[in-house]
Amino acid sequence: MIMKTGEQWRCTNPVCHCEVLVQSDGVLEGENPRCVCGSPLKKKYAPPHLTYLEFLRIEDPLLVGGISNQD
C-alpha cells in the first residue's frame, strides 16, 4: 500500500475514530496500515472529479430580444 504525503487515513473501528495525516511518503507491503487500536486504516473517501463530459451539459437557451415562441 502506497501512502502519499497529505492523505488522510481513518480507523475502521467505530469506537476509536482515529484519523491520521500522512507527513511523508511511504510504502507498506501487503495490507492496509494498522491503527494503534489494532484495526486497519482506510483512506478518507474523496469523490471523483469528473470533467471529461462537461461539454454535454445542456444549458438554458438564450432568448433574443425577450421574444419567445410560446406566444
PDB file of N, CA and C in Angstrom:
ATOM      1  N   MET A   1       0.855  -1.164   0.000  1.00  0.00           N
ATOM      2  CA  MET A   1       0.000   0.000   0.000  1.00  0.00           C
ATOM      3  C   MET A   1       0.905   1.232   0.000  1.00  0.00           C
ATOM      4  N   ILE A   2       0.622   2.154  -0.911  1.00  0.00           N
ATOM      5  CA  ILE A   2       1.407   3.381  -1.006  1.00  0.00           C
ATOM      6  C   ILE A   2       0.692   4.482  -0.236  1.00  0.00           C
ATOM      7  N   MET A   3       1.420   5.116   0.642  1.00  0.00           N
ATOM      8  CA  MET A   3       0.886   6.240   1.411  1.00  0.00           C
ATOM      9  C   MET A   3       1.582   7.505   0.926  1.00  0.00           C
ATOM     10  N   LYS A   4       0.793   8.486   0.458  1.00  0.00           N
ATOM     11  CA  LYS A   4       1.349   9.722  -0.078  1.00  0.00           C
ATOM     12  C   LYS A   4       1.168  10.868   0.911  1.00  0.00           C
ATOM     13  N   THR A   5       2.080  11.820   0.864  1.00  0.00           N
ATOM     14  CA  THR A   5       2.029  12.979   1.741  1.00  0.00           C
ATOM     15  C   THR A   5       0.713  13.725   1.548  1.00  0.00           C
ATOM     16  N   GLY A   6       0.054  14.067   2.638  1.00  0.00           N
ATOM     17  CA  GLY A   6      -1.187  14.826   2.611  1.00  0.00           C
ATOM     18  C   GLY A   6      -2.451  13.984   2.645  1.00  0.00           C
ATOM     19  N   GLU A   7      -2.326  12.670   2.487  1.00  0.00           N
ATOM     20  CA  GLU A   7      -3.504  11.803   2.544  1.00  0.00           C
ATOM     21  C   GLU A   7      -4.001  11.680   3.981  1.00  0.00           C
ATOM     22  N   GLN A   8      -5.316  11.486   4.113  1.00  0.00           N
ATOM     23  CA  GLN A   8      -5.908  11.245   5.428  1.00  0.00           C
ATOM     24  C   GLN A   8      -6.400   9.806   5.469  1.00  0.00           C
ATOM     25  N   TRP A   9      -6.074   9.115   6.552  1.00  0.00           N
ATOM     26  CA  TRP A   9      -6.497   7.732   6.771  1.00  0.00           C
ATOM     27  C   TRP A   9      -7.349   7.696   8.022  1.00  0.00           C
ATOM     28  N   ARG A  10      -8.414   6.864   8.005  1.00  0.00           N
ATOM     29  CA  ARG A  10      -9.322   6.746   9.153  1.00  0.00           C
ATOM     30  C   ARG A  10      -9.346   5.318   9.670  1.00  0.00           C
ATOM     31  N   CYS A  11      -9.516   5.196  10.969  1.00  0.00           N
ATOM     32  CA  CYS A  11      -9.627   3.891  11.605  1.00  0.00           C
ATOM     33  C   CYS A  11     -11.002   3.303  11.296  1.00  0.00           C
ATOM     34  N   THR A  12     -11.051   1.997  11.007  1.00  0.00           N
ATOM     35  CA  THR A  12     -12.320   1.335  10.702  1.00  0.00           C
ATOM     36  C   THR A  12     -13.084   0.944  11.959  1.00  0.00           C
ATOM     37  N   ASN A  13     -12.479   1.089  13.123  1.00  0.00           N
ATOM     38  CA  ASN A  13     -13.136   0.784  14.392  1.00  0.00           C
ATOM     39  C   ASN A  13     -14.049   1.956  14.762  1.00  0.00           C
ATOM     40  N   PRO A  14     -15.384   1.745  14.836  1.00  0.00           N
ATOM     41  CA  PRO A  14     -16.292   2.855  15.121  1.00  0.00           C
ATOM     42  C   PRO A  14     -16.125   3.448  16.517  1.00  0.00           C
ATOM     43  N   VAL A  15     -15.504   2.730  17.424  1.00  0.00           N
ATOM     44  CA  VAL A  15     -15.283   3.237  18.780  1.00  0.00           C
ATOM     45  C   VAL A  15     -14.048   4.136  18.829  1.00  0.00           C
ATOM     46  N   CYS A  16     -13.067   3.876  17.980  1.00  0.00           N
ATOM     47  CA  CYS A  16     -11.780   4.581  18.009  1.00  0.00           C
ATOM     48  C   CYS A  16     -11.846   5.980  17.389  1.00  0.00           C
ATOM     49  N   HIS A  17     -12.369   6.115  16.188  1.00  0.00           N
ATOM     50  CA  HIS A  17     -12.467   7.390  15.455  1.00  0.00           C
ATOM     51  C   HIS A  17     -11.123   8.072  15.227  1.00  0.00           C
ATOM     52  N   CYS A  18     -10.040   7.327  15.167  1.00  0.00           N
ATOM     53  CA  CYS A  18      -8.713   7.898  14.966  1.00  0.00           C
ATOM     54  C   CYS A  18      -8.532   8.305  13.498  1.00  0.00           C
ATOM     55  N   GLU A  19      -7.885   9.448  13.254  1.00  0.00           N
ATOM     56  CA  GLU A  19      -7.541   9.895  11.910  1.00  0.00           C
ATOM     57  C   GLU A  19      -6.054  10.182  11.863  1.00  0.00           C
ATOM     58  N   VAL A  20      -5.437   9.826  10.731  1.00  0.00           N
ATOM     59  CA  VAL A  20      -4.001  10.011  10.568  1.00  0.00           C
ATOM     60  C   VAL A  20      -3.764  10.846   9.318  1.00  0.00           C
ATOM     61  N   LEU A  21      -2.918  11.868   9.416  1.00  0.00           N
ATOM     62  CA  LEU A  21      -2.500  12.668   8.275  1.00  0.00           C
ATOM     63  C   LEU A  21      -1.073  12.263   7.938  1.00  0.00           C
ATOM     64  N   VAL A  22      -0.847  11.797   6.709  1.00  0.00           N
ATOM     65  CA  VAL A  22       0.473  11.314   6.290  1.00  0.00           C
ATOM     66  C   VAL A  22       1.402  12.508   6.088  1.00  0.00           C
ATOM     67  N   GLN A  23       2.564  12.472   6.736  1.00  0.00           N
ATOM     68  CA  GLN A  23       3.532  13.557   6.669  1.00  0.00           C
ATOM     69  C   GLN A  23       4.647  13.306   5.651  1.00  0.00           C
ATOM     70  N   SER A  24       4.913  12.039   5.325  1.00  0.00           N
ATOM     71  CA  SER A  24       5.931  11.724   4.323  1.00  0.00           C
ATOM     72  C   SER A  24       5.524  10.450   3.580  1.00  0.00           C
ATOM     73  N   ASP A  25       5.957  10.343   2.329  1.00  0.00           N
ATOM     74  CA  ASP A  25       5.619   9.191   1.503  1.00  0.00           C
ATOM     75  C   ASP A  25       6.175   7.910   2.106  1.00  0.00           C
ATOM     76  N   GLY A  26       5.464   6.812   1.844  1.00  0.00           N
ATOM     77  CA  GLY A  26       5.927   5.524   2.339  1.00  0.00           C
ATOM     78  C   GLY A  26       5.242   4.384   1.623  1.00  0.00           C
ATOM     79  N   VAL A  27       5.848   3.219   1.703  1.00  0.00           N
ATOM     80  CA  VAL A  27       5.285   2.024   1.081  1.00  0.00           C
ATOM     81  C   VAL A  27       5.188   0.955   2.154  1.00  0.00           C
ATOM     82  N   LEU A  28       4.021   0.316   2.224  1.00  0.00           N
ATOM     83  CA  LEU A  28       3.793  -0.756   3.175  1.00  0.00           C
ATOM     84  C   LEU A  28       3.381  -1.982   2.375  1.00  0.00           C
ATOM     85  N   GLU A  29       4.165  -3.037   2.439  1.00  0.00           N
ATOM     86  CA  GLU A  29       3.875  -4.250   1.683  1.00  0.00           C
ATOM     87  C   GLU A  29       2.721  -5.007   2.317  1.00  0.00           C
ATOM     88  N   GLY A  30       1.826  -5.521   1.475  1.00  0.00           N
ATOM     89  CA  GLY A  30       0.751  -6.359   1.987  1.00  0.00           C
ATOM     90  C   GLY A  30      -0.540  -5.615   2.187  1.00  0.00           C
ATOM     91  N   GLU A  31      -1.008  -5.548   3.422  1.00  0.00           N
ATOM     92  CA  GLU A  31      -2.326  -4.998   3.723  1.00  0.00           C
ATOM     93  C   GLU A  31      -2.248  -3.537   4.141  1.00  0.00           C
ATOM     94  N   ASN A  32      -3.424  -2.970   4.433  1.00  0.00           N
ATOM     95  CA  ASN A  32      -3.502  -1.580   4.882  1.00  0.00           C
ATOM     96  C   ASN A  32      -2.769  -1.401   6.209  1.00  0.00           C
ATOM     97  N   PRO A  33      -2.302  -0.178   6.476  1.00  0.00           N
ATOM     98  CA  PRO A  33      -1.650   0.088   7.770  1.00  0.00           C
ATOM     99  C   PRO A  33      -2.642  -0.086   8.913  1.00  0.00           C
ATOM    100  N   ARG A  34      -2.119  -0.276  10.117  1.00  0.00           N
ATOM    101  CA  ARG A  34      -2.947  -0.508  11.305  1.00  0.00           C
ATOM    102  C   ARG A  34      -2.940   0.709  12.220  1.00  0.00           C
ATOM    103  N   CYS A  35      -4.060   0.899  12.897  1.00  0.00           N
ATOM    104  CA  CYS A  35      -4.216   1.946  13.902  1.00  0.00           C
ATOM    105  C   CYS A  35      -3.550   1.478  15.202  1.00  0.00           C
ATOM    106  N   VAL A  36      -3.415   2.374  16.153  1.00  0.00           N
ATOM    107  CA  VAL A  36      -2.861   1.988  17.452  1.00  0.00           C
ATOM    108  C   VAL A  36      -3.787   1.037  18.194  1.00  0.00           C
ATOM    109  N   CYS A  37      -5.096   1.034  17.848  1.00  0.00           N
ATOM    110  CA  CYS A  37      -6.038   0.121  18.489  1.00  0.00           C
ATOM    111  C   CYS A  37      -5.995  -1.273  17.848  1.00  0.00           C
ATOM    112  N   GLY A  38      -5.299  -1.397  16.707  1.00  0.00           N
ATOM    113  CA  GLY A  38      -5.166  -2.689  16.041  1.00  0.00           C
ATOM    114  C   GLY A  38      -6.047  -2.868  14.822  1.00  0.00           C
ATOM    115  N   SER A  39      -7.002  -1.971  14.610  1.00  0.00           N
ATOM    116  CA  SER A  39      -7.893  -2.057  13.447  1.00  0.00           C
ATOM    117  C   SER A  39      -7.194  -1.496  12.210  1.00  0.00           C
ATOM    118  N   PRO A  40      -7.576  -1.977  11.029  1.00  0.00           N
ATOM    119  CA  PRO A  40      -6.959  -1.442   9.808  1.00  0.00           C
ATOM    120  C   PRO A  40      -7.429  -0.016   9.530  1.00  0.00           C
ATOM    121  N   LEU A  41      -6.557   0.763   8.896  1.00  0.00           N
ATOM    122  CA  LEU A  41      -6.895   2.125   8.483  1.00  0.00           C
ATOM    123  C   LEU A  41      -7.334   2.098   7.027  1.00  0.00           C
ATOM    124  N   LYS A  42      -8.245   3.003   6.668  1.00  0.00           N
ATOM    125  CA  LYS A  42      -8.688   3.163   5.285  1.00  0.00           C
ATOM    126  C   LYS A  42      -8.506   4.617   4.889  1.00  0.00           C
ATOM    127  N   LYS A  43      -8.255   4.841   3.587  1.00  0.00           N
ATOM    128  CA  LYS A  43      -8.139   6.205   3.099  1.00  0.00           C
ATOM    129  C   LYS A  43      -9.482   6.909   3.212  1.00  0.00           C
ATOM    130  N   LYS A  44      -9.422   8.203   3.505  1.00  0.00           N
ATOM    131  CA  LYS A  44     -10.642   9.006   3.553  1.00  0.00           C
ATOM    132  C   LYS A  44     -11.203   9.087   2.137  1.00  0.00           C
ATOM    133  N   TYR A  45     -12.508   8.876   1.995  1.00  0.00           N
ATOM    134  CA  TYR A  45     -13.139   8.870   0.681  1.00  0.00           C
ATOM    135  C   TYR A  45     -13.139  10.272   0.078  1.00  0.00           C
ATOM    136  N   ALA A  46     -12.727  10.346  -1.165  1.00  0.00           N
ATOM    137  CA  ALA A  46     -12.792  11.590  -1.919  1.00  0.00           C
ATOM    138  C   ALA A  46     -13.559  11.305  -3.201  1.00  0.00           C
ATOM    139  N   PRO A  47     -14.678  11.977  -3.425  1.00  0.00           N
ATOM    140  CA  PRO A  47     -15.457  11.712  -4.632  1.00  0.00           C
ATOM    141  C   PRO A  47     -14.656  12.072  -5.874  1.00  0.00           C
ATOM    142  N   PRO A  48     -14.885  11.363  -6.969  1.00  0.00           N
ATOM    143  CA  PRO A  48     -14.133  11.648  -8.190  1.00  0.00           C
ATOM    144  C   PRO A  48     -14.508  13.005  -8.775  1.00  0.00           C
ATOM    145  N   HIS A  49     -13.546  13.633  -9.403  1.00  0.00           N
ATOM    146  CA  HIS A  49     -13.753  14.915 -10.063  1.00  0.00           C
ATOM    147  C   HIS A  49     -13.883  14.640 -11.551  1.00  0.00           C
ATOM    148  N   LEU A  50     -15.118  14.690 -12.063  1.00  0.00           N
ATOM    149  CA  LEU A  50     -15.374  14.356 -13.456  1.00  0.00           C
ATOM    150  C   LEU A  50     -15.427  15.614 -14.307  1.00  0.00           C
ATOM    151  N   THR A  51     -14.574  15.679 -15.312  1.00  0.00           N
ATOM    152  CA  THR A  51     -14.583  16.817 -16.217  1.00  0.00           C
ATOM    153  C   THR A  51     -14.640  16.383 -17.670  1.00  0.00           C
ATOM    154  N   TYR A  52     -14.559  15.119 -17.955  1.00  0.00           N
ATOM    155  CA  TYR A  52     -14.463  14.623 -19.322  1.00  0.00           C
ATOM    156  C   TYR A  52     -15.699  14.959 -20.150  1.00  0.00           C
ATOM    157  N   LEU A  53     -16.904  14.840 -19.605  1.00  0.00           N
ATOM    158  CA  LEU A  53     -18.120  15.046 -20.369  1.00  0.00           C
ATOM    159  C   LEU A  53     -18.841  16.351 -20.032  1.00  0.00           C
ATOM    160  N   GLU A  54     -18.137  17.327 -19.513  1.00  0.00           N
ATOM    161  CA  GLU A  54     -18.771  18.590 -19.161  1.00  0.00           C
ATOM    162  C   GLU A  54     -19.345  19.298 -20.378  1.00  0.00           C
ATOM    163  N   PHE A  55     -18.790  19.063 -21.568  1.00  0.00           N
ATOM    164  CA  PHE A  55     -19.280  19.724 -22.764  1.00  0.00           C
ATOM    165  C   PHE A  55     -20.682  19.257 -23.147  1.00  0.00           C
ATOM    166  N   LEU A  56     -21.176  18.160 -22.563  1.00  0.00           N
ATOM    167  CA  LEU A  56     -22.502  17.658 -22.872  1.00  0.00           C
ATOM    168  C   LEU A  56     -23.603  18.282 -22.024  1.00  0.00           C
ATOM    169  N   ARG A  57     -23.231  19.144 -21.102  1.00  0.00           N
ATOM    170  CA  ARG A  57     -24.240  19.794 -20.262  1.00  0.00           C
ATOM    171  C   ARG A  57     -25.207  20.580 -21.124  1.00  0.00           C
ATOM    172  N   ILE A  58     -26.482  20.493 -20.825  1.00  0.00           N
ATOM    173  CA  ILE A  58     -27.496  21.237 -21.557  1.00  0.00           C
ATOM    174  C   ILE A  58     -27.781  22.506 -20.781  1.00  0.00           C
ATOM    175  N   GLU A  59     -27.585  23.636 -21.459  1.00  0.00           N
ATOM    176  CA  GLU A  59     -27.824  24.916 -20.819  1.00  0.00           C
ATOM    177  C   GLU A  59     -29.128  25.489 -21.344  1.00  0.00           C
ATOM    178  N   ASP A  60     -29.743  26.381 -20.580  1.00  0.00           N
ATOM    179  CA  ASP A  60     -30.984  27.016 -20.999  1.00  0.00           C
ATOM    180  C   ASP A  60     -30.730  27.849 -22.250  1.00  0.00           C
ATOM    181  N   PRO A  61     -31.619  27.784 -23.239  1.00  0.00           N
ATOM    182  CA  PRO A  61     -31.433  28.594 -24.449  1.00  0.00           C
ATOM    183  C   PRO A  61     -31.605  30.077 -24.128  1.00  0.00           C
ATOM    184  N   LEU A  62     -30.857  30.883 -24.828  1.00  0.00           N
ATOM    185  CA  LEU A  62     -30.936  32.341 -24.635  1.00  0.00           C
ATOM    186  C   LEU A  62     -32.113  32.889 -25.419  1.00  0.00           C
ATOM    187  N   LEU A  63     -32.826  33.814 -24.822  1.00  0.00           N
ATOM    188  CA  LEU A  63     -33.914  34.489 -25.522  1.00  0.00           C
ATOM    189  C   LEU A  63     -33.366  35.712 -26.218  1.00  0.00           C
ATOM    190  N   VAL A  64     -33.668  35.869 -27.493  1.00  0.00           N
ATOM    191  CA  VAL A  64     -33.191  37.022 -28.256  1.00  0.00           C
ATOM    192  C   VAL A  64     -34.264  38.092 -28.227  1.00  0.00           C
ATOM    193  N   GLY A  65     -33.959  39.233 -27.658  1.00  0.00           N
ATOM    194  CA  GLY A  65     -34.898  40.357 -27.623  1.00  0.00           C
ATOM    195  C   GLY A  65     -36.097  40.116 -26.737  1.00  0.00           C
ATOM    196  N   GLY A  66     -36.058  39.114 -25.888  1.00  0.00           N
ATOM    197  CA  GLY A  66     -37.170  38.848 -24.987  1.00  0.00           C
ATOM    198  C   GLY A  66     -38.364  38.210 -25.670  1.00  0.00           C
ATOM    199  N   ILE A  67     -38.211  37.728 -26.903  1.00  0.00           N
ATOM    200  CA  ILE A  67     -39.302  37.117 -27.645  1.00  0.00           C
ATOM    201  C   ILE A  67     -39.202  35.605 -27.491  1.00  0.00           C
ATOM    202  N   SER A  68     -40.321  34.970 -27.218  1.00  0.00           N
ATOM    203  CA  SER A  68     -40.331  33.519 -27.124  1.00  0.00           C
ATOM    204  C   SER A  68     -41.337  32.959 -28.111  1.00  0.00           C
ATOM    205  N   ASN A  69     -41.233  31.706 -28.449  1.00  0.00           N
ATOM    206  CA  ASN A  69     -42.127  31.042 -29.388  1.00  0.00           C
ATOM    207  C   ASN A  69     -43.420  30.587 -28.725  1.00  0.00           C
ATOM    208  N   GLN A  70     -43.584  30.787 -27.445  1.00  0.00           N
ATOM    209  CA  GLN A  70     -44.746  30.299 -26.722  1.00  0.00           C
ATOM    210  C   GLN A  70     -45.936  31.260 -26.825  1.00  0.00           C
ATOM    211  N   ASP A  71     -45.785  32.446 -27.413  1.00  0.00           N
ATOM    212  CA  ASP A  71     -46.874  33.421 -27.507  1.00  0.00           C
ATOM    213  C   ASP A  71     -47.907  33.025 -28.537  1.00  0.00           C
TER     214      ASP A  71
END
